[in-house]
N, C-alpha and C. Protein backbone atom coordinates (compact mmCIF):
# COMPACT_ATOMS: atom_id res chain seq x y z
N MET A 1 -103.73 58.18 17.35
CA MET A 1 -103.47 56.87 16.74
C MET A 1 -101.93 56.57 16.80
N TYR A 2 -101.12 57.64 16.47
CA TYR A 2 -99.66 57.54 16.54
C TYR A 2 -99.07 57.31 17.82
N LYS A 3 -99.83 57.78 18.93
CA LYS A 3 -99.41 57.55 20.35
C LYS A 3 -99.60 56.00 20.63
N VAL A 4 -100.56 55.43 20.17
CA VAL A 4 -100.81 53.93 20.45
C VAL A 4 -99.80 53.18 19.70
N ILE A 5 -99.47 53.41 18.46
CA ILE A 5 -98.48 52.65 17.67
C ILE A 5 -97.13 52.83 18.42
N ASP A 6 -96.79 54.11 18.73
CA ASP A 6 -95.53 54.39 19.47
C ASP A 6 -95.40 53.60 20.74
N THR A 7 -96.51 53.58 21.43
CA THR A 7 -96.47 52.77 22.80
C THR A 7 -96.29 51.24 22.41
N ILE A 8 -96.91 50.77 21.53
CA ILE A 8 -96.74 49.32 21.11
C ILE A 8 -95.34 49.10 20.73
N LEU A 9 -94.81 49.90 19.96
CA LEU A 9 -93.36 49.72 19.48
C LEU A 9 -92.47 49.85 20.65
N ASN A 10 -92.66 50.70 21.49
CA ASN A 10 -91.84 50.83 22.67
C ASN A 10 -91.89 49.67 23.61
N ILE A 11 -93.11 49.01 23.68
CA ILE A 11 -93.31 47.80 24.60
C ILE A 11 -92.60 46.66 23.80
N CYS A 12 -92.75 46.58 22.58
CA CYS A 12 -92.00 45.50 21.88
C CYS A 12 -90.47 45.58 21.99
N CYS A 13 -90.03 46.76 21.85
CA CYS A 13 -88.50 47.00 22.02
C CYS A 13 -88.10 46.66 23.37
N LEU A 14 -88.79 47.03 24.33
CA LEU A 14 -88.46 46.64 25.76
C LEU A 14 -88.48 45.24 25.99
N LEU A 15 -89.50 44.50 25.40
CA LEU A 15 -89.59 43.05 25.64
C LEU A 15 -88.36 42.39 24.88
N MET A 16 -87.91 42.79 23.72
CA MET A 16 -86.95 42.20 23.03
C MET A 16 -85.69 42.45 23.76
N ALA A 17 -85.37 43.51 24.32
CA ALA A 17 -84.19 43.88 25.09
C ALA A 17 -84.15 43.09 26.41
N LEU A 18 -85.28 42.90 27.05
CA LEU A 18 -85.37 42.07 28.30
C LEU A 18 -85.09 40.55 27.92
N GLY A 19 -85.61 40.09 26.84
CA GLY A 19 -85.39 38.70 26.41
C GLY A 19 -83.92 38.59 25.99
N TYR A 20 -83.23 39.37 25.39
CA TYR A 20 -81.94 39.39 24.94
C TYR A 20 -81.02 39.43 26.28
N LEU A 21 -81.28 40.31 27.28
CA LEU A 21 -80.62 40.18 28.50
C LEU A 21 -80.78 38.89 29.41
N LEU A 22 -81.92 38.32 29.28
CA LEU A 22 -82.17 37.07 29.92
C LEU A 22 -81.33 36.00 29.31
N THR A 23 -81.15 35.95 27.96
CA THR A 23 -80.37 34.91 27.32
C THR A 23 -78.92 35.07 27.62
N VAL A 24 -78.40 36.34 27.68
CA VAL A 24 -77.06 36.57 28.18
C VAL A 24 -76.83 36.13 29.59
N LEU A 25 -77.78 36.42 30.45
CA LEU A 25 -77.66 36.10 31.81
C LEU A 25 -77.61 34.42 32.05
N TRP A 26 -78.53 33.89 31.28
CA TRP A 26 -78.63 32.38 31.29
C TRP A 26 -77.29 31.83 30.78
N ALA A 27 -76.76 32.33 29.69
CA ALA A 27 -75.39 31.78 29.27
C ALA A 27 -74.36 32.07 30.28
N GLN A 28 -74.39 33.29 30.84
CA GLN A 28 -73.31 33.67 31.76
C GLN A 28 -73.38 32.69 33.05
N LEU A 29 -74.57 32.38 33.58
CA LEU A 29 -74.65 31.55 34.69
C LEU A 29 -74.48 30.01 34.32
N ASN A 30 -74.64 29.59 33.07
CA ASN A 30 -74.27 28.15 32.78
C ASN A 30 -72.90 28.01 32.35
N CYS A 31 -72.27 29.07 31.69
CA CYS A 31 -70.93 28.87 31.17
C CYS A 31 -70.27 30.32 31.21
N SER A 32 -69.58 30.50 32.29
CA SER A 32 -69.13 31.85 32.57
C SER A 32 -67.88 32.24 31.68
N LEU A 33 -67.99 33.50 31.25
CA LEU A 33 -66.90 34.02 30.47
C LEU A 33 -66.00 34.95 31.41
N ILE A 34 -66.62 35.35 32.47
CA ILE A 34 -65.88 36.09 33.56
C ILE A 34 -65.60 35.17 34.68
N PRO A 35 -64.28 35.03 35.07
CA PRO A 35 -64.01 34.03 36.11
C PRO A 35 -64.55 34.15 37.50
N VAL A 36 -64.92 35.24 37.80
CA VAL A 36 -65.52 35.51 39.15
C VAL A 36 -67.02 35.08 39.26
N ILE A 37 -67.71 35.26 38.14
CA ILE A 37 -69.14 34.95 38.12
C ILE A 37 -69.48 33.49 37.43
N GLY A 38 -70.14 32.72 38.17
CA GLY A 38 -70.58 31.48 37.62
C GLY A 38 -69.44 30.33 37.60
N ARG A 39 -69.68 29.26 36.88
CA ARG A 39 -68.66 28.32 36.75
C ARG A 39 -68.01 28.41 35.37
N GLN A 40 -66.80 28.21 35.25
CA GLN A 40 -66.01 28.11 33.99
C GLN A 40 -66.28 27.00 33.21
N CYS A 41 -66.18 27.13 31.93
CA CYS A 41 -66.33 25.99 30.99
C CYS A 41 -65.43 26.03 29.78
N ARG A 42 -65.18 24.94 29.27
CA ARG A 42 -64.36 24.97 28.17
C ARG A 42 -64.91 24.02 27.03
N GLY A 43 -64.41 24.11 25.80
CA GLY A 43 -64.76 23.15 24.72
C GLY A 43 -66.28 23.27 24.34
N PRO A 44 -66.89 22.22 24.11
CA PRO A 44 -68.37 22.25 23.58
C PRO A 44 -69.34 22.94 24.53
N GLU A 45 -69.03 23.10 25.72
CA GLU A 45 -69.86 23.66 26.67
C GLU A 45 -70.07 25.21 26.31
N LEU A 46 -69.10 25.80 25.58
CA LEU A 46 -69.18 27.14 25.23
C LEU A 46 -70.45 27.45 24.27
N ASP A 47 -70.99 26.31 23.86
CA ASP A 47 -72.16 26.52 22.86
C ASP A 47 -73.31 27.24 23.50
N ALA A 48 -73.28 27.42 24.81
CA ALA A 48 -74.42 28.10 25.47
C ALA A 48 -74.39 29.56 25.05
N TRP A 49 -73.26 30.06 24.56
CA TRP A 49 -73.04 31.44 24.08
C TRP A 49 -73.60 31.69 22.70
N MET A 50 -74.01 30.64 22.01
CA MET A 50 -74.45 30.77 20.62
C MET A 50 -75.80 31.36 20.62
N ILE A 51 -76.72 31.31 21.50
CA ILE A 51 -77.96 31.85 21.38
C ILE A 51 -77.82 33.48 21.53
N PRO A 52 -77.09 33.95 22.58
CA PRO A 52 -76.94 35.41 22.53
C PRO A 52 -76.07 35.93 21.36
N PHE A 53 -75.19 35.03 20.78
CA PHE A 53 -74.34 35.48 19.72
C PHE A 53 -75.35 35.67 18.36
N PHE A 54 -76.21 34.84 18.19
CA PHE A 54 -77.15 34.74 17.14
C PHE A 54 -78.25 35.89 17.29
N LEU A 55 -78.61 36.14 18.46
CA LEU A 55 -79.58 37.19 18.79
C LEU A 55 -79.13 38.51 18.96
N ALA A 56 -77.78 38.74 18.76
CA ALA A 56 -77.15 40.09 19.06
C ALA A 56 -77.55 41.16 17.92
N PRO A 57 -77.73 40.69 16.64
CA PRO A 57 -78.22 41.75 15.73
C PRO A 57 -79.55 42.32 15.98
N ILE A 58 -80.40 41.61 16.75
CA ILE A 58 -81.74 42.15 17.22
C ILE A 58 -81.56 42.69 18.60
N GLY A 59 -80.82 42.03 19.49
CA GLY A 59 -80.85 42.34 20.87
C GLY A 59 -80.10 43.71 21.16
N ILE A 60 -78.98 43.81 20.64
CA ILE A 60 -78.26 45.01 20.94
C ILE A 60 -78.88 46.29 20.45
N PRO A 61 -79.39 46.32 19.15
CA PRO A 61 -80.19 47.57 18.91
C PRO A 61 -81.33 47.76 19.87
N ALA A 62 -82.00 46.62 20.17
CA ALA A 62 -83.17 46.75 21.11
C ALA A 62 -82.72 47.40 22.48
N LEU A 63 -81.55 46.95 22.97
CA LEU A 63 -80.98 47.51 24.08
C LEU A 63 -80.75 49.11 24.04
N ILE A 64 -80.21 49.44 22.86
CA ILE A 64 -79.80 50.85 22.60
C ILE A 64 -81.26 51.67 22.54
N GLY A 65 -82.07 50.96 21.77
CA GLY A 65 -83.43 51.66 21.61
C GLY A 65 -84.20 51.80 22.94
N THR A 66 -84.19 50.81 23.71
CA THR A 66 -84.75 50.92 25.09
C THR A 66 -83.96 52.08 25.89
N ALA A 67 -82.70 52.01 25.87
CA ALA A 67 -81.88 52.97 26.68
C ALA A 67 -82.38 54.43 26.20
N THR A 68 -82.35 54.76 24.97
CA THR A 68 -82.79 56.00 24.52
C THR A 68 -84.23 56.28 24.78
N MET A 69 -85.12 55.25 24.80
CA MET A 69 -86.53 55.59 25.07
C MET A 69 -86.64 55.83 26.54
N LEU A 70 -85.92 55.17 27.50
CA LEU A 70 -86.03 55.44 28.91
C LEU A 70 -85.40 56.72 29.42
N TRP A 71 -84.22 57.05 28.75
CA TRP A 71 -83.55 58.16 29.23
C TRP A 71 -83.57 59.38 28.41
N GLY A 72 -84.20 59.22 27.22
CA GLY A 72 -84.38 60.37 26.32
C GLY A 72 -85.29 61.43 26.88
N PRO A 73 -86.39 61.17 27.22
CA PRO A 73 -87.38 62.15 27.79
C PRO A 73 -86.88 62.94 29.06
N ARG A 74 -86.02 62.30 29.83
CA ARG A 74 -85.47 63.03 31.01
C ARG A 74 -84.41 64.08 30.75
N ARG A 75 -83.89 64.01 29.42
CA ARG A 75 -82.88 65.03 29.09
C ARG A 75 -83.48 66.24 28.61
N ARG A 76 -84.79 66.29 28.27
CA ARG A 76 -85.39 67.46 27.66
C ARG A 76 -85.96 68.42 28.61
């Protein structure tokens, strides 16, 4: 039973991390903060980065959890 719950939590963590990365990628392609990638924008167009900003409290821990989930068993 614990294995099933662990698998479900791992899948949810992975999906949240993937969703967060997709919002960051979408914002980067629409309004680039890095001059080499995408088109530059200024002013109110920078609002594209508000979605990743507000999702960061969930997305960044999900990324860390996914990284430890994927690379943790290899270290043992």
